[in-house]
Amino acid sequence: MNNKPDNEEGARPKFTVGLTGGIGSGKTTVAELFAARGAAVIDTDLIAHQLSAPGGLAIDALRRAFGASFITPQGALDRQRMRGLVFSDGDARRRLEAILHPLIKSEAEREAALAEGSYTIFVVPLLTETSSWKRRSTRILVVDCDESTQIARVMRRNQLSSEQVLAIMAAQIPRERRLAMADDIIENNGDSAELPHQVDRLHMQYLKLAE
């Protein structure tokens, strides 16, 4: 188990779960199941979308860093164009992360302070690559699936070729390393009947740990 996050002296630390997984693993589906059972879910990908939407706090910095061609006429980040850049250019990916990650973390912490669920789940795609998020999580939960399932889901959802999906996967931490960091694992290979049972089991465990 990971070390519990720092807290004010004398205050009881809040129980938090860092939920992560590779692209197409089904993190959002699993997070929604936990939310339905009373967990407070804070989705950093959703926060990133808000920050890069028209009028979002990151738009000016993104325009300065990458140019107006990466901003749509509506004033949002052109996510498809940016995706094509960052998965072929490591320096561009680091510049993007340097802009977004501090803003995401600040907003996530603000939401966590207001959260009223039984415990808090942070949904963080790059959790296992980010030391600060690993420290912030009492336990790390990895949503996992076969790579063939992963590829098929992303191709269908994002209208990408298999080559494009494989390039995205190659830029993420290898599946084996992600699983090695997990305290808990949910298998999500498409069995919709089994998935809620896995969530129920972990939810009951987390409720006890949060007491």
N, C-alpha and C. Protein backbone atom coordinates (compact mmCIF):
# COMPACT_ATOMS: atom_id res chain seq x y z
N MET A 1 0.85 -1.19 0.00
CA MET A 1 0.00 0.00 0.00
C MET A 1 0.89 1.24 0.00
N ASN A 2 0.43 2.32 -0.67
CA ASN A 2 1.18 3.54 -0.72
C ASN A 2 1.06 4.29 0.59
N ASN A 3 2.03 5.18 0.84
CA ASN A 3 1.96 6.02 2.02
C ASN A 3 0.75 6.93 1.93
N LYS A 4 0.13 7.19 3.04
CA LYS A 4 -1.02 8.08 3.05
C LYS A 4 -0.55 9.50 2.81
N PRO A 5 -1.42 10.35 2.19
CA PRO A 5 -1.01 11.70 1.89
C PRO A 5 -0.80 12.51 3.14
N ASP A 6 0.04 13.55 3.00
CA ASP A 6 0.31 14.44 4.11
C ASP A 6 -0.98 15.13 4.53
N ASN A 7 -1.07 15.46 5.80
CA ASN A 7 -2.23 16.18 6.32
C ASN A 7 -1.78 17.09 7.43
N GLU A 8 -2.66 18.02 7.80
CA GLU A 8 -2.35 18.91 8.88
C GLU A 8 -2.18 18.11 10.17
N GLU A 9 -1.30 18.59 11.03
CA GLU A 9 -1.02 17.88 12.29
C GLU A 9 -2.29 17.74 13.10
N GLY A 10 -2.58 16.52 13.52
CA GLY A 10 -3.75 16.25 14.33
C GLY A 10 -4.99 15.92 13.52
N ALA A 11 -4.96 16.21 12.20
CA ALA A 11 -6.12 15.91 11.35
C ALA A 11 -6.01 14.50 10.80
N ARG A 12 -7.14 13.86 10.66
CA ARG A 12 -7.16 12.50 10.13
C ARG A 12 -7.05 12.57 8.61
N PRO A 13 -6.09 11.85 7.99
CA PRO A 13 -5.96 11.91 6.54
C PRO A 13 -7.18 11.32 5.85
N LYS A 14 -7.57 11.91 4.73
CA LYS A 14 -8.69 11.41 3.97
C LYS A 14 -8.24 10.20 3.15
N PHE A 15 -9.11 9.22 3.08
CA PHE A 15 -8.81 8.04 2.28
C PHE A 15 -9.07 8.36 0.81
N THR A 16 -8.06 8.16 -0.01
CA THR A 16 -8.18 8.47 -1.43
C THR A 16 -7.71 7.29 -2.27
N VAL A 17 -8.35 7.14 -3.41
CA VAL A 17 -7.99 6.10 -4.38
C VAL A 17 -7.55 6.80 -5.66
N GLY A 18 -6.39 6.43 -6.16
CA GLY A 18 -5.96 6.90 -7.46
C GLY A 18 -6.32 5.86 -8.50
N LEU A 19 -7.26 6.19 -9.37
CA LEU A 19 -7.74 5.26 -10.38
C LEU A 19 -7.06 5.57 -11.70
N THR A 20 -6.44 4.58 -12.30
CA THR A 20 -5.73 4.80 -13.55
C THR A 20 -5.83 3.57 -14.44
N GLY A 21 -5.26 3.68 -15.62
CA GLY A 21 -5.28 2.59 -16.59
C GLY A 21 -4.89 3.13 -17.95
N GLY A 22 -4.54 2.26 -18.85
CA GLY A 22 -4.17 2.68 -20.19
C GLY A 22 -5.37 3.23 -20.95
N ILE A 23 -5.10 3.92 -22.06
CA ILE A 23 -6.17 4.44 -22.88
C ILE A 23 -7.08 3.29 -23.33
N GLY A 24 -8.39 3.51 -23.23
CA GLY A 24 -9.33 2.48 -23.64
C GLY A 24 -9.58 1.38 -22.64
N SER A 25 -9.02 1.49 -21.44
CA SER A 25 -9.21 0.43 -20.45
C SER A 25 -10.58 0.48 -19.80
N GLY A 26 -11.24 1.64 -19.84
CA GLY A 26 -12.57 1.77 -19.25
C GLY A 26 -12.57 2.49 -17.92
N LYS A 27 -11.64 3.41 -17.73
CA LYS A 27 -11.55 4.15 -16.46
C LYS A 27 -12.84 4.90 -16.15
N THR A 28 -13.41 5.56 -17.16
CA THR A 28 -14.61 6.35 -16.94
C THR A 28 -15.78 5.47 -16.52
N THR A 29 -15.95 4.34 -17.16
CA THR A 29 -17.03 3.42 -16.80
C THR A 29 -16.90 2.96 -15.36
N VAL A 30 -15.69 2.58 -14.97
CA VAL A 30 -15.46 2.13 -13.60
C VAL A 30 -15.68 3.27 -12.61
N ALA A 31 -15.21 4.46 -12.94
CA ALA A 31 -15.40 5.61 -12.04
C ALA A 31 -16.88 5.91 -11.84
N GLU A 32 -17.67 5.79 -12.90
CA GLU A 32 -19.11 6.03 -12.78
C GLU A 32 -19.78 5.01 -11.86
N LEU A 33 -19.31 3.77 -11.89
CA LEU A 33 -19.85 2.75 -11.00
C LEU A 33 -19.53 3.06 -9.54
N PHE A 34 -18.33 3.54 -9.28
CA PHE A 34 -17.98 3.93 -7.91
C PHE A 34 -18.80 5.15 -7.47
N ALA A 35 -18.99 6.10 -8.36
CA ALA A 35 -19.78 7.29 -8.02
C ALA A 35 -21.20 6.92 -7.66
N ALA A 36 -21.77 5.94 -8.38
CA ALA A 36 -23.13 5.49 -8.09
C ALA A 36 -23.25 4.85 -6.72
N ARG A 37 -22.12 4.42 -6.16
CA ARG A 37 -22.11 3.78 -4.85
C ARG A 37 -21.72 4.76 -3.74
N GLY A 38 -21.53 6.01 -4.06
CA GLY A 38 -21.31 7.03 -3.04
C GLY A 38 -19.91 7.60 -2.93
N ALA A 39 -19.01 7.17 -3.80
CA ALA A 39 -17.67 7.76 -3.79
C ALA A 39 -17.70 9.11 -4.47
N ALA A 40 -16.85 10.01 -4.01
CA ALA A 40 -16.66 11.29 -4.69
C ALA A 40 -15.61 11.09 -5.77
N VAL A 41 -15.97 11.32 -7.03
CA VAL A 41 -15.06 11.08 -8.15
C VAL A 41 -14.60 12.40 -8.74
N ILE A 42 -13.29 12.55 -8.84
CA ILE A 42 -12.70 13.74 -9.44
C ILE A 42 -11.89 13.28 -10.64
N ASP A 43 -12.34 13.63 -11.82
CA ASP A 43 -11.78 13.14 -13.08
C ASP A 43 -10.85 14.21 -13.65
N THR A 44 -9.56 13.94 -13.64
CA THR A 44 -8.61 14.95 -14.11
C THR A 44 -8.69 15.16 -15.62
N ASP A 45 -9.14 14.15 -16.36
CA ASP A 45 -9.31 14.35 -17.80
C ASP A 45 -10.45 15.31 -18.08
N LEU A 46 -11.52 15.22 -17.29
CA LEU A 46 -12.62 16.16 -17.41
C LEU A 46 -12.16 17.57 -17.06
N ILE A 47 -11.34 17.69 -16.02
CA ILE A 47 -10.79 18.99 -15.66
C ILE A 47 -9.95 19.56 -16.79
N ALA A 48 -9.15 18.70 -17.43
CA ALA A 48 -8.32 19.14 -18.55
C ALA A 48 -9.19 19.66 -19.70
N HIS A 49 -10.31 18.99 -19.97
CA HIS A 49 -11.23 19.47 -21.00
C HIS A 49 -11.78 20.84 -20.65
N GLN A 50 -12.11 21.04 -19.37
CA GLN A 50 -12.65 22.33 -18.95
C GLN A 50 -11.60 23.44 -19.07
N LEU A 51 -10.37 23.11 -18.73
CA LEU A 51 -9.29 24.10 -18.81
C LEU A 51 -8.98 24.51 -20.24
N SER A 52 -9.21 23.58 -21.19
CA SER A 52 -8.88 23.84 -22.59
C SER A 52 -10.11 24.10 -23.45
N ALA A 53 -11.26 24.33 -22.81
CA ALA A 53 -12.49 24.70 -23.51
C ALA A 53 -12.46 26.22 -23.78
N PRO A 54 -13.39 26.72 -24.59
CA PRO A 54 -13.43 28.17 -24.80
C PRO A 54 -13.51 28.94 -23.49
N GLY A 55 -12.60 29.88 -23.29
CA GLY A 55 -12.56 30.63 -22.05
C GLY A 55 -11.85 29.92 -20.91
N GLY A 56 -11.33 28.70 -21.15
CA GLY A 56 -10.65 27.93 -20.11
C GLY A 56 -9.36 28.61 -19.66
N LEU A 57 -8.96 28.32 -18.44
CA LEU A 57 -7.81 28.98 -17.84
C LEU A 57 -6.50 28.69 -18.57
N ALA A 58 -6.44 27.60 -19.33
CA ALA A 58 -5.19 27.23 -19.99
C ALA A 58 -5.07 27.77 -21.41
N ILE A 59 -6.14 28.33 -21.96
CA ILE A 59 -6.16 28.68 -23.38
C ILE A 59 -5.08 29.69 -23.75
N ASP A 60 -4.93 30.74 -22.99
CA ASP A 60 -3.94 31.77 -23.33
C ASP A 60 -2.53 31.19 -23.34
N ALA A 61 -2.22 30.38 -22.32
CA ALA A 61 -0.89 29.78 -22.25
C ALA A 61 -0.67 28.79 -23.39
N LEU A 62 -1.70 28.05 -23.77
CA LEU A 62 -1.59 27.11 -24.88
C LEU A 62 -1.37 27.84 -26.20
N ARG A 63 -2.07 28.96 -26.37
CA ARG A 63 -1.90 29.74 -27.60
C ARG A 63 -0.47 30.29 -27.69
N ARG A 64 0.05 30.76 -26.57
CA ARG A 64 1.42 31.31 -26.58
C ARG A 64 2.44 30.20 -26.86
N ALA A 65 2.21 29.03 -26.29
CA ALA A 65 3.20 27.96 -26.40
C ALA A 65 3.17 27.26 -27.76
N PHE A 66 1.98 27.14 -28.36
CA PHE A 66 1.86 26.32 -29.56
C PHE A 66 1.37 27.09 -30.79
N GLY A 67 0.89 28.30 -30.58
CA GLY A 67 0.42 29.10 -31.70
C GLY A 67 -1.09 29.03 -31.88
N ALA A 68 -1.61 30.02 -32.60
CA ALA A 68 -3.06 30.14 -32.78
C ALA A 68 -3.63 28.99 -33.59
N SER A 69 -2.80 28.30 -34.39
CA SER A 69 -3.30 27.20 -35.21
C SER A 69 -3.77 26.01 -34.37
N PHE A 70 -3.39 25.97 -33.09
CA PHE A 70 -3.83 24.89 -32.22
C PHE A 70 -5.08 25.26 -31.42
N ILE A 71 -5.64 26.44 -31.71
CA ILE A 71 -6.87 26.89 -31.06
C ILE A 71 -7.95 26.96 -32.13
N THR A 72 -9.10 26.36 -31.85
CA THR A 72 -10.19 26.34 -32.83
C THR A 72 -10.82 27.72 -32.97
N PRO A 73 -11.59 27.95 -34.04
CA PRO A 73 -12.29 29.24 -34.18
C PRO A 73 -13.22 29.54 -33.00
N GLN A 74 -13.68 28.50 -32.32
CA GLN A 74 -14.55 28.69 -31.16
C GLN A 74 -13.77 29.05 -29.89
N GLY A 75 -12.44 28.95 -29.95
CA GLY A 75 -11.61 29.33 -28.81
C GLY A 75 -11.19 28.19 -27.92
N ALA A 76 -11.37 26.96 -28.38
CA ALA A 76 -10.96 25.78 -27.60
C ALA A 76 -9.67 25.22 -28.15
N LEU A 77 -9.01 24.39 -27.36
CA LEU A 77 -7.85 23.66 -27.86
C LEU A 77 -8.30 22.69 -28.95
N ASP A 78 -7.57 22.65 -30.05
CA ASP A 78 -7.82 21.66 -31.10
C ASP A 78 -7.18 20.36 -30.62
N ARG A 79 -7.97 19.54 -29.96
CA ARG A 79 -7.45 18.35 -29.30
C ARG A 79 -6.91 17.33 -30.30
N GLN A 80 -7.57 17.20 -31.44
CA GLN A 80 -7.10 16.23 -32.42
C GLN A 80 -5.73 16.64 -32.96
N ARG A 81 -5.57 17.91 -33.27
CA ARG A 81 -4.28 18.38 -33.78
C ARG A 81 -3.20 18.26 -32.70
N MET A 82 -3.56 18.61 -31.47
CA MET A 82 -2.59 18.51 -30.38
C MET A 82 -2.21 17.06 -30.12
N ARG A 83 -3.18 16.16 -30.20
CA ARG A 83 -2.89 14.73 -29.99
C ARG A 83 -1.88 14.24 -31.02
N GLY A 84 -2.08 14.65 -32.27
CA GLY A 84 -1.15 14.25 -33.31
C GLY A 84 0.25 14.76 -33.08
N LEU A 85 0.36 15.95 -32.48
CA LEU A 85 1.68 16.52 -32.21
C LEU A 85 2.37 15.84 -31.04
N VAL A 86 1.68 15.72 -29.91
CA VAL A 86 2.35 15.30 -28.69
C VAL A 86 2.74 13.83 -28.70
N PHE A 87 2.03 13.02 -29.49
CA PHE A 87 2.40 11.61 -29.52
C PHE A 87 3.49 11.32 -30.55
N SER A 88 3.95 12.36 -31.23
CA SER A 88 5.10 12.21 -32.14
C SER A 88 6.27 13.10 -31.73
N ASP A 89 6.06 13.95 -30.73
CA ASP A 89 7.07 14.93 -30.33
C ASP A 89 7.11 15.00 -28.81
N GLY A 90 8.12 14.37 -28.23
CA GLY A 90 8.22 14.32 -26.77
C GLY A 90 8.37 15.68 -26.14
N ASP A 91 9.08 16.59 -26.79
CA ASP A 91 9.26 17.94 -26.25
C ASP A 91 7.93 18.67 -26.19
N ALA A 92 7.12 18.53 -27.24
CA ALA A 92 5.81 19.17 -27.25
C ALA A 92 4.92 18.60 -26.15
N ARG A 93 5.00 17.30 -25.93
CA ARG A 93 4.21 16.69 -24.87
C ARG A 93 4.62 17.25 -23.51
N ARG A 94 5.91 17.43 -23.29
CA ARG A 94 6.37 17.98 -22.01
C ARG A 94 5.93 19.44 -21.84
N ARG A 95 5.92 20.20 -22.91
CA ARG A 95 5.46 21.60 -22.83
C ARG A 95 3.97 21.65 -22.50
N LEU A 96 3.21 20.76 -23.13
CA LEU A 96 1.77 20.70 -22.84
C LEU A 96 1.53 20.32 -21.39
N GLU A 97 2.23 19.32 -20.90
CA GLU A 97 2.06 18.88 -19.52
C GLU A 97 2.47 19.97 -18.54
N ALA A 98 3.50 20.73 -18.87
CA ALA A 98 3.95 21.81 -17.98
C ALA A 98 2.89 22.89 -17.82
N ILE A 99 2.07 23.06 -18.85
CA ILE A 99 0.98 24.04 -18.77
C ILE A 99 -0.21 23.46 -18.02
N LEU A 100 -0.62 22.25 -18.40
CA LEU A 100 -1.87 21.70 -17.88
C LEU A 100 -1.76 21.09 -16.49
N HIS A 101 -0.69 20.37 -16.21
CA HIS A 101 -0.63 19.59 -14.98
C HIS A 101 -0.76 20.43 -13.70
N PRO A 102 -0.07 21.57 -13.58
CA PRO A 102 -0.26 22.35 -12.34
C PRO A 102 -1.70 22.86 -12.19
N LEU A 103 -2.32 23.26 -13.29
CA LEU A 103 -3.70 23.74 -13.23
C LEU A 103 -4.66 22.60 -12.89
N ILE A 104 -4.42 21.43 -13.46
CA ILE A 104 -5.26 20.27 -13.16
C ILE A 104 -5.16 19.91 -11.68
N LYS A 105 -3.93 19.86 -11.17
CA LYS A 105 -3.74 19.47 -9.78
C LYS A 105 -4.40 20.47 -8.83
N SER A 106 -4.27 21.77 -9.15
CA SER A 106 -4.88 22.80 -8.30
C SER A 106 -6.40 22.66 -8.28
N GLU A 107 -7.00 22.44 -9.44
CA GLU A 107 -8.46 22.31 -9.50
C GLU A 107 -8.91 21.00 -8.84
N ALA A 108 -8.16 19.93 -9.02
CA ALA A 108 -8.51 18.66 -8.38
C ALA A 108 -8.48 18.78 -6.86
N GLU A 109 -7.48 19.47 -6.33
CA GLU A 109 -7.40 19.65 -4.89
C GLU A 109 -8.54 20.53 -4.38
N ARG A 110 -8.93 21.53 -5.17
CA ARG A 110 -10.06 22.37 -4.78
C ARG A 110 -11.33 21.54 -4.70
N GLU A 111 -11.55 20.68 -5.71
CA GLU A 111 -12.73 19.82 -5.71
C GLU A 111 -12.67 18.81 -4.56
N ALA A 112 -11.48 18.29 -4.27
CA ALA A 112 -11.34 17.32 -3.19
C ALA A 112 -11.70 17.92 -1.84
N ALA A 113 -11.33 19.19 -1.65
CA ALA A 113 -11.64 19.86 -0.39
C ALA A 113 -13.14 20.02 -0.18
N LEU A 114 -13.89 20.05 -1.29
CA LEU A 114 -15.35 20.22 -1.20
C LEU A 114 -16.10 18.89 -1.29
N ALA A 115 -15.38 17.81 -1.56
CA ALA A 115 -16.02 16.52 -1.79
C ALA A 115 -16.71 15.99 -0.53
N GLU A 116 -17.86 15.37 -0.71
CA GLU A 116 -18.65 14.87 0.42
C GLU A 116 -18.92 13.37 0.32
N GLY A 117 -18.23 12.68 -0.57
CA GLY A 117 -18.46 11.25 -0.72
C GLY A 117 -17.88 10.45 0.43
N SER A 118 -18.15 9.14 0.42
CA SER A 118 -17.63 8.25 1.45
C SER A 118 -16.11 8.23 1.45
N TYR A 119 -15.53 8.38 0.28
CA TYR A 119 -14.09 8.50 0.08
C TYR A 119 -13.91 9.15 -1.28
N THR A 120 -12.70 9.53 -1.62
CA THR A 120 -12.46 10.27 -2.85
C THR A 120 -11.65 9.43 -3.84
N ILE A 121 -12.10 9.42 -5.09
CA ILE A 121 -11.38 8.76 -6.17
C ILE A 121 -10.87 9.82 -7.14
N PHE A 122 -9.56 9.85 -7.36
CA PHE A 122 -8.97 10.70 -8.39
C PHE A 122 -8.75 9.83 -9.63
N VAL A 123 -9.37 10.19 -10.74
CA VAL A 123 -9.16 9.48 -12.00
C VAL A 123 -8.03 10.20 -12.73
N VAL A 124 -6.88 9.53 -12.85
CA VAL A 124 -5.68 10.17 -13.38
C VAL A 124 -5.04 9.24 -14.41
N PRO A 125 -5.19 9.52 -15.71
CA PRO A 125 -4.60 8.63 -16.72
C PRO A 125 -3.10 8.40 -16.54
N LEU A 126 -2.36 9.43 -16.14
CA LEU A 126 -0.91 9.31 -16.01
C LEU A 126 -0.47 9.17 -14.55
N LEU A 127 -1.31 8.61 -13.72
CA LEU A 127 -1.00 8.52 -12.29
C LEU A 127 0.30 7.78 -12.03
N THR A 128 0.48 6.62 -12.67
CA THR A 128 1.66 5.81 -12.37
C THR A 128 2.94 6.43 -12.94
N GLU A 129 2.80 7.44 -13.81
CA GLU A 129 3.97 8.15 -14.31
C GLU A 129 4.28 9.41 -13.51
N THR A 130 3.43 9.73 -12.52
CA THR A 130 3.53 11.01 -11.83
C THR A 130 3.68 10.79 -10.33
N SER A 131 4.85 11.14 -9.80
CA SER A 131 5.13 10.85 -8.39
C SER A 131 4.18 11.58 -7.44
N SER A 132 3.79 12.81 -7.77
CA SER A 132 2.92 13.56 -6.86
C SER A 132 1.55 12.90 -6.73
N TRP A 133 1.02 12.34 -7.82
CA TRP A 133 -0.27 11.67 -7.73
C TRP A 133 -0.15 10.35 -7.01
N LYS A 134 0.96 9.66 -7.17
CA LYS A 134 1.16 8.41 -6.43
C LYS A 134 1.19 8.69 -4.93
N ARG A 135 1.86 9.77 -4.53
CA ARG A 135 1.90 10.13 -3.11
C ARG A 135 0.53 10.55 -2.60
N ARG A 136 -0.26 11.15 -3.47
CA ARG A 136 -1.57 11.68 -3.07
C ARG A 136 -2.59 10.56 -2.86
N SER A 137 -2.33 9.38 -3.37
CA SER A 137 -3.29 8.28 -3.34
C SER A 137 -2.97 7.31 -2.21
N THR A 138 -3.97 7.04 -1.37
CA THR A 138 -3.79 6.03 -0.34
C THR A 138 -3.62 4.65 -0.97
N ARG A 139 -4.43 4.39 -2.01
CA ARG A 139 -4.30 3.15 -2.78
C ARG A 139 -4.38 3.48 -4.27
N ILE A 140 -3.69 2.66 -5.06
CA ILE A 140 -3.73 2.80 -6.51
C ILE A 140 -4.56 1.67 -7.09
N LEU A 141 -5.58 2.04 -7.85
CA LEU A 141 -6.46 1.08 -8.52
C LEU A 141 -6.22 1.17 -10.02
N VAL A 142 -5.82 0.07 -10.62
CA VAL A 142 -5.59 0.02 -12.06
C VAL A 142 -6.73 -0.73 -12.74
N VAL A 143 -7.33 -0.08 -13.73
CA VAL A 143 -8.31 -0.74 -14.60
C VAL A 143 -7.53 -1.31 -15.78
N ASP A 144 -7.66 -2.60 -15.99
CA ASP A 144 -6.83 -3.29 -16.98
C ASP A 144 -7.69 -4.06 -17.96
N CYS A 145 -7.16 -4.23 -19.18
CA CYS A 145 -7.81 -5.07 -20.17
C CYS A 145 -6.76 -5.57 -21.15
N ASP A 146 -7.12 -6.57 -21.92
CA ASP A 146 -6.22 -7.08 -22.95
C ASP A 146 -5.91 -5.97 -23.95
N GLU A 147 -4.70 -5.99 -24.49
CA GLU A 147 -4.32 -4.94 -25.43
C GLU A 147 -5.17 -4.96 -26.69
N SER A 148 -5.60 -6.13 -27.14
CA SER A 148 -6.47 -6.20 -28.31
C SER A 148 -7.81 -5.51 -28.05
N THR A 149 -8.33 -5.68 -26.83
CA THR A 149 -9.57 -5.00 -26.45
C THR A 149 -9.36 -3.50 -26.38
N GLN A 150 -8.24 -3.11 -25.81
CA GLN A 150 -7.87 -1.71 -25.69
C GLN A 150 -7.83 -1.03 -27.07
N ILE A 151 -7.15 -1.66 -28.00
CA ILE A 151 -7.00 -1.09 -29.35
C ILE A 151 -8.37 -0.96 -30.02
N ALA A 152 -9.18 -2.01 -29.95
CA ALA A 152 -10.49 -1.99 -30.60
C ALA A 152 -11.37 -0.88 -30.02
N ARG A 153 -11.35 -0.72 -28.70
CA ARG A 153 -12.18 0.32 -28.07
C ARG A 153 -11.77 1.71 -28.54
N VAL A 154 -10.49 1.99 -28.56
CA VAL A 154 -10.03 3.34 -28.92
C VAL A 154 -10.27 3.62 -30.40
N MET A 155 -10.06 2.62 -31.24
CA MET A 155 -10.35 2.79 -32.67
C MET A 155 -11.82 3.16 -32.88
N ARG A 156 -12.70 2.47 -32.17
CA ARG A 156 -14.14 2.70 -32.31
C ARG A 156 -14.54 4.05 -31.72
N ARG A 157 -13.99 4.38 -30.57
CA ARG A 157 -14.40 5.59 -29.85
C ARG A 157 -13.83 6.86 -30.49
N ASN A 158 -12.56 6.82 -30.87
CA ASN A 158 -11.88 8.02 -31.35
C ASN A 158 -11.69 8.06 -32.86
N GLN A 159 -12.20 7.05 -33.55
CA GLN A 159 -12.06 7.00 -35.01
C GLN A 159 -10.60 7.09 -35.43
N LEU A 160 -9.75 6.30 -34.77
CA LEU A 160 -8.33 6.28 -35.07
C LEU A 160 -7.95 4.95 -35.72
N SER A 161 -6.83 4.96 -36.43
CA SER A 161 -6.32 3.71 -36.99
C SER A 161 -5.61 2.92 -35.90
N SER A 162 -5.39 1.63 -36.16
CA SER A 162 -4.68 0.82 -35.19
C SER A 162 -3.26 1.35 -34.97
N GLU A 163 -2.63 1.87 -36.03
CA GLU A 163 -1.28 2.43 -35.90
C GLU A 163 -1.28 3.63 -34.98
N GLN A 164 -2.30 4.47 -35.08
CA GLN A 164 -2.38 5.65 -34.21
C GLN A 164 -2.59 5.25 -32.76
N VAL A 165 -3.43 4.24 -32.54
CA VAL A 165 -3.67 3.78 -31.17
C VAL A 165 -2.40 3.17 -30.58
N LEU A 166 -1.69 2.39 -31.37
CA LEU A 166 -0.45 1.78 -30.89
C LEU A 166 0.58 2.84 -30.56
N ALA A 167 0.60 3.94 -31.31
CA ALA A 167 1.54 5.03 -31.01
C ALA A 167 1.21 5.68 -29.67
N ILE A 168 -0.08 5.85 -29.41
CA ILE A 168 -0.50 6.41 -28.12
C ILE A 168 -0.12 5.47 -26.98
N MET A 169 -0.38 4.18 -27.16
CA MET A 169 -0.04 3.21 -26.13
C MET A 169 1.46 3.16 -25.88
N ALA A 170 2.25 3.30 -26.94
CA ALA A 170 3.70 3.27 -26.80
C ALA A 170 4.22 4.44 -25.99
N ALA A 171 3.47 5.56 -26.02
CA ALA A 171 3.89 6.75 -25.27
C ALA A 171 3.52 6.66 -23.79
N GLN A 172 2.68 5.68 -23.43
CA GLN A 172 2.28 5.50 -22.04
C GLN A 172 3.18 4.47 -21.37
N ILE A 173 3.11 4.44 -20.06
CA ILE A 173 3.91 3.47 -19.31
C ILE A 173 3.48 2.06 -19.71
N PRO A 174 4.40 1.11 -19.83
CA PRO A 174 4.01 -0.25 -20.22
C PRO A 174 3.01 -0.86 -19.25
N ARG A 175 2.13 -1.67 -19.79
CA ARG A 175 1.08 -2.30 -19.00
C ARG A 175 1.65 -3.05 -17.79
N GLU A 176 2.73 -3.77 -17.98
CA GLU A 176 3.30 -4.57 -16.90
C GLU A 176 3.77 -3.68 -15.73
N ARG A 177 4.38 -2.55 -16.05
CA ARG A 177 4.84 -1.64 -14.99
C ARG A 177 3.66 -1.02 -14.26
N ARG A 178 2.61 -0.68 -15.01
CA ARG A 178 1.42 -0.11 -14.37
C ARG A 178 0.80 -1.10 -13.40
N LEU A 179 0.67 -2.34 -13.82
CA LEU A 179 0.08 -3.36 -12.96
C LEU A 179 0.95 -3.62 -11.74
N ALA A 180 2.27 -3.53 -11.89
CA ALA A 180 3.18 -3.78 -10.77
C ALA A 180 3.01 -2.73 -9.67
N MET A 181 2.52 -1.54 -10.02
CA MET A 181 2.34 -0.46 -9.03
C MET A 181 0.97 -0.52 -8.37
N ALA A 182 0.10 -1.39 -8.83
CA ALA A 182 -1.28 -1.40 -8.36
C ALA A 182 -1.42 -2.04 -6.98
N ASP A 183 -2.24 -1.43 -6.15
CA ASP A 183 -2.72 -2.07 -4.93
C ASP A 183 -3.93 -2.94 -5.24
N ASP A 184 -4.74 -2.48 -6.19
CA ASP A 184 -5.96 -3.19 -6.58
C ASP A 184 -6.07 -3.15 -8.10
N ILE A 185 -6.70 -4.18 -8.67
CA ILE A 185 -6.85 -4.28 -10.13
C ILE A 185 -8.29 -4.67 -10.45
N ILE A 186 -8.87 -3.99 -11.43
CA ILE A 186 -10.16 -4.37 -11.99
C ILE A 186 -9.94 -4.82 -13.43
N GLU A 187 -10.39 -6.03 -13.74
CA GLU A 187 -10.30 -6.55 -15.10
C GLU A 187 -11.54 -6.09 -15.87
N ASN A 188 -11.30 -5.45 -17.01
CA ASN A 188 -12.42 -4.90 -17.77
C ASN A 188 -12.28 -5.28 -19.24
N ASN A 189 -12.46 -6.56 -19.52
CA ASN A 189 -12.34 -7.05 -20.89
C ASN A 189 -13.67 -7.13 -21.62
N GLY A 190 -14.70 -6.51 -21.05
CA GLY A 190 -15.98 -6.44 -21.75
C GLY A 190 -17.09 -7.24 -21.12
N ASP A 191 -16.85 -7.87 -19.97
CA ASP A 191 -17.90 -8.62 -19.27
C ASP A 191 -18.69 -7.63 -18.42
N SER A 192 -19.76 -7.09 -18.99
CA SER A 192 -20.54 -6.05 -18.31
C SER A 192 -21.24 -6.57 -17.06
N ALA A 193 -21.47 -7.88 -16.99
CA ALA A 193 -22.12 -8.45 -15.81
C ALA A 193 -21.16 -8.59 -14.64
N GLU A 194 -19.88 -8.83 -14.93
CA GLU A 194 -18.89 -9.05 -13.88
C GLU A 194 -18.35 -7.75 -13.32
N LEU A 195 -18.31 -6.71 -14.13
CA LEU A 195 -17.69 -5.46 -13.72
C LEU A 195 -18.30 -4.87 -12.44
N PRO A 196 -19.63 -4.78 -12.32
CA PRO A 196 -20.21 -4.24 -11.07
C PRO A 196 -19.84 -5.05 -9.84
N HIS A 197 -19.68 -6.36 -9.98
CA HIS A 197 -19.30 -7.19 -8.83
C HIS A 197 -17.89 -6.84 -8.36
N GLN A 198 -16.99 -6.60 -9.30
CA GLN A 198 -15.63 -6.20 -8.91
C GLN A 198 -15.65 -4.86 -8.19
N VAL A 199 -16.47 -3.94 -8.70
CA VAL A 199 -16.57 -2.62 -8.06
C VAL A 199 -17.19 -2.74 -6.68
N ASP A 200 -18.23 -3.55 -6.54
CA ASP A 200 -18.87 -3.75 -5.23
C ASP A 200 -17.85 -4.25 -4.20
N ARG A 201 -17.04 -5.23 -4.60
CA ARG A 201 -16.07 -5.81 -3.67
C ARG A 201 -15.07 -4.75 -3.20
N LEU A 202 -14.56 -3.96 -4.12
CA LEU A 202 -13.58 -2.94 -3.74
C LEU A 202 -14.25 -1.80 -2.98
N HIS A 203 -15.48 -1.47 -3.35
CA HIS A 203 -16.19 -0.40 -2.65
C HIS A 203 -16.35 -0.74 -1.17
N MET A 204 -16.72 -1.97 -0.88
CA MET A 204 -16.86 -2.37 0.52
C MET A 204 -15.52 -2.33 1.24
N GLN A 205 -14.47 -2.73 0.55
CA GLN A 205 -13.13 -2.68 1.14
C GLN A 205 -12.72 -1.24 1.41
N TYR A 206 -13.00 -0.35 0.49
CA TYR A 206 -12.60 1.05 0.66
C TYR A 206 -13.41 1.72 1.77
N LEU A 207 -14.68 1.36 1.90
CA LEU A 207 -15.47 1.92 2.99
C LEU A 207 -14.88 1.56 4.35
N LYS A 208 -14.42 0.33 4.49
CA LYS A 208 -13.80 -0.10 5.76
C LYS A 208 -12.49 0.65 5.99
N LEU A 209 -11.70 0.80 4.95
CA LEU A 209 -10.41 1.49 5.10
C LEU A 209 -10.59 2.98 5.38
N ALA A 210 -11.73 3.53 4.93
CA ALA A 210 -11.98 4.96 5.12
C ALA A 210 -12.55 5.28 6.49
N GLU A 211 -12.93 4.26 7.24
CA GLU A 211 -13.54 4.49 8.56
C GLU A 211 -12.56 5.13 9.53
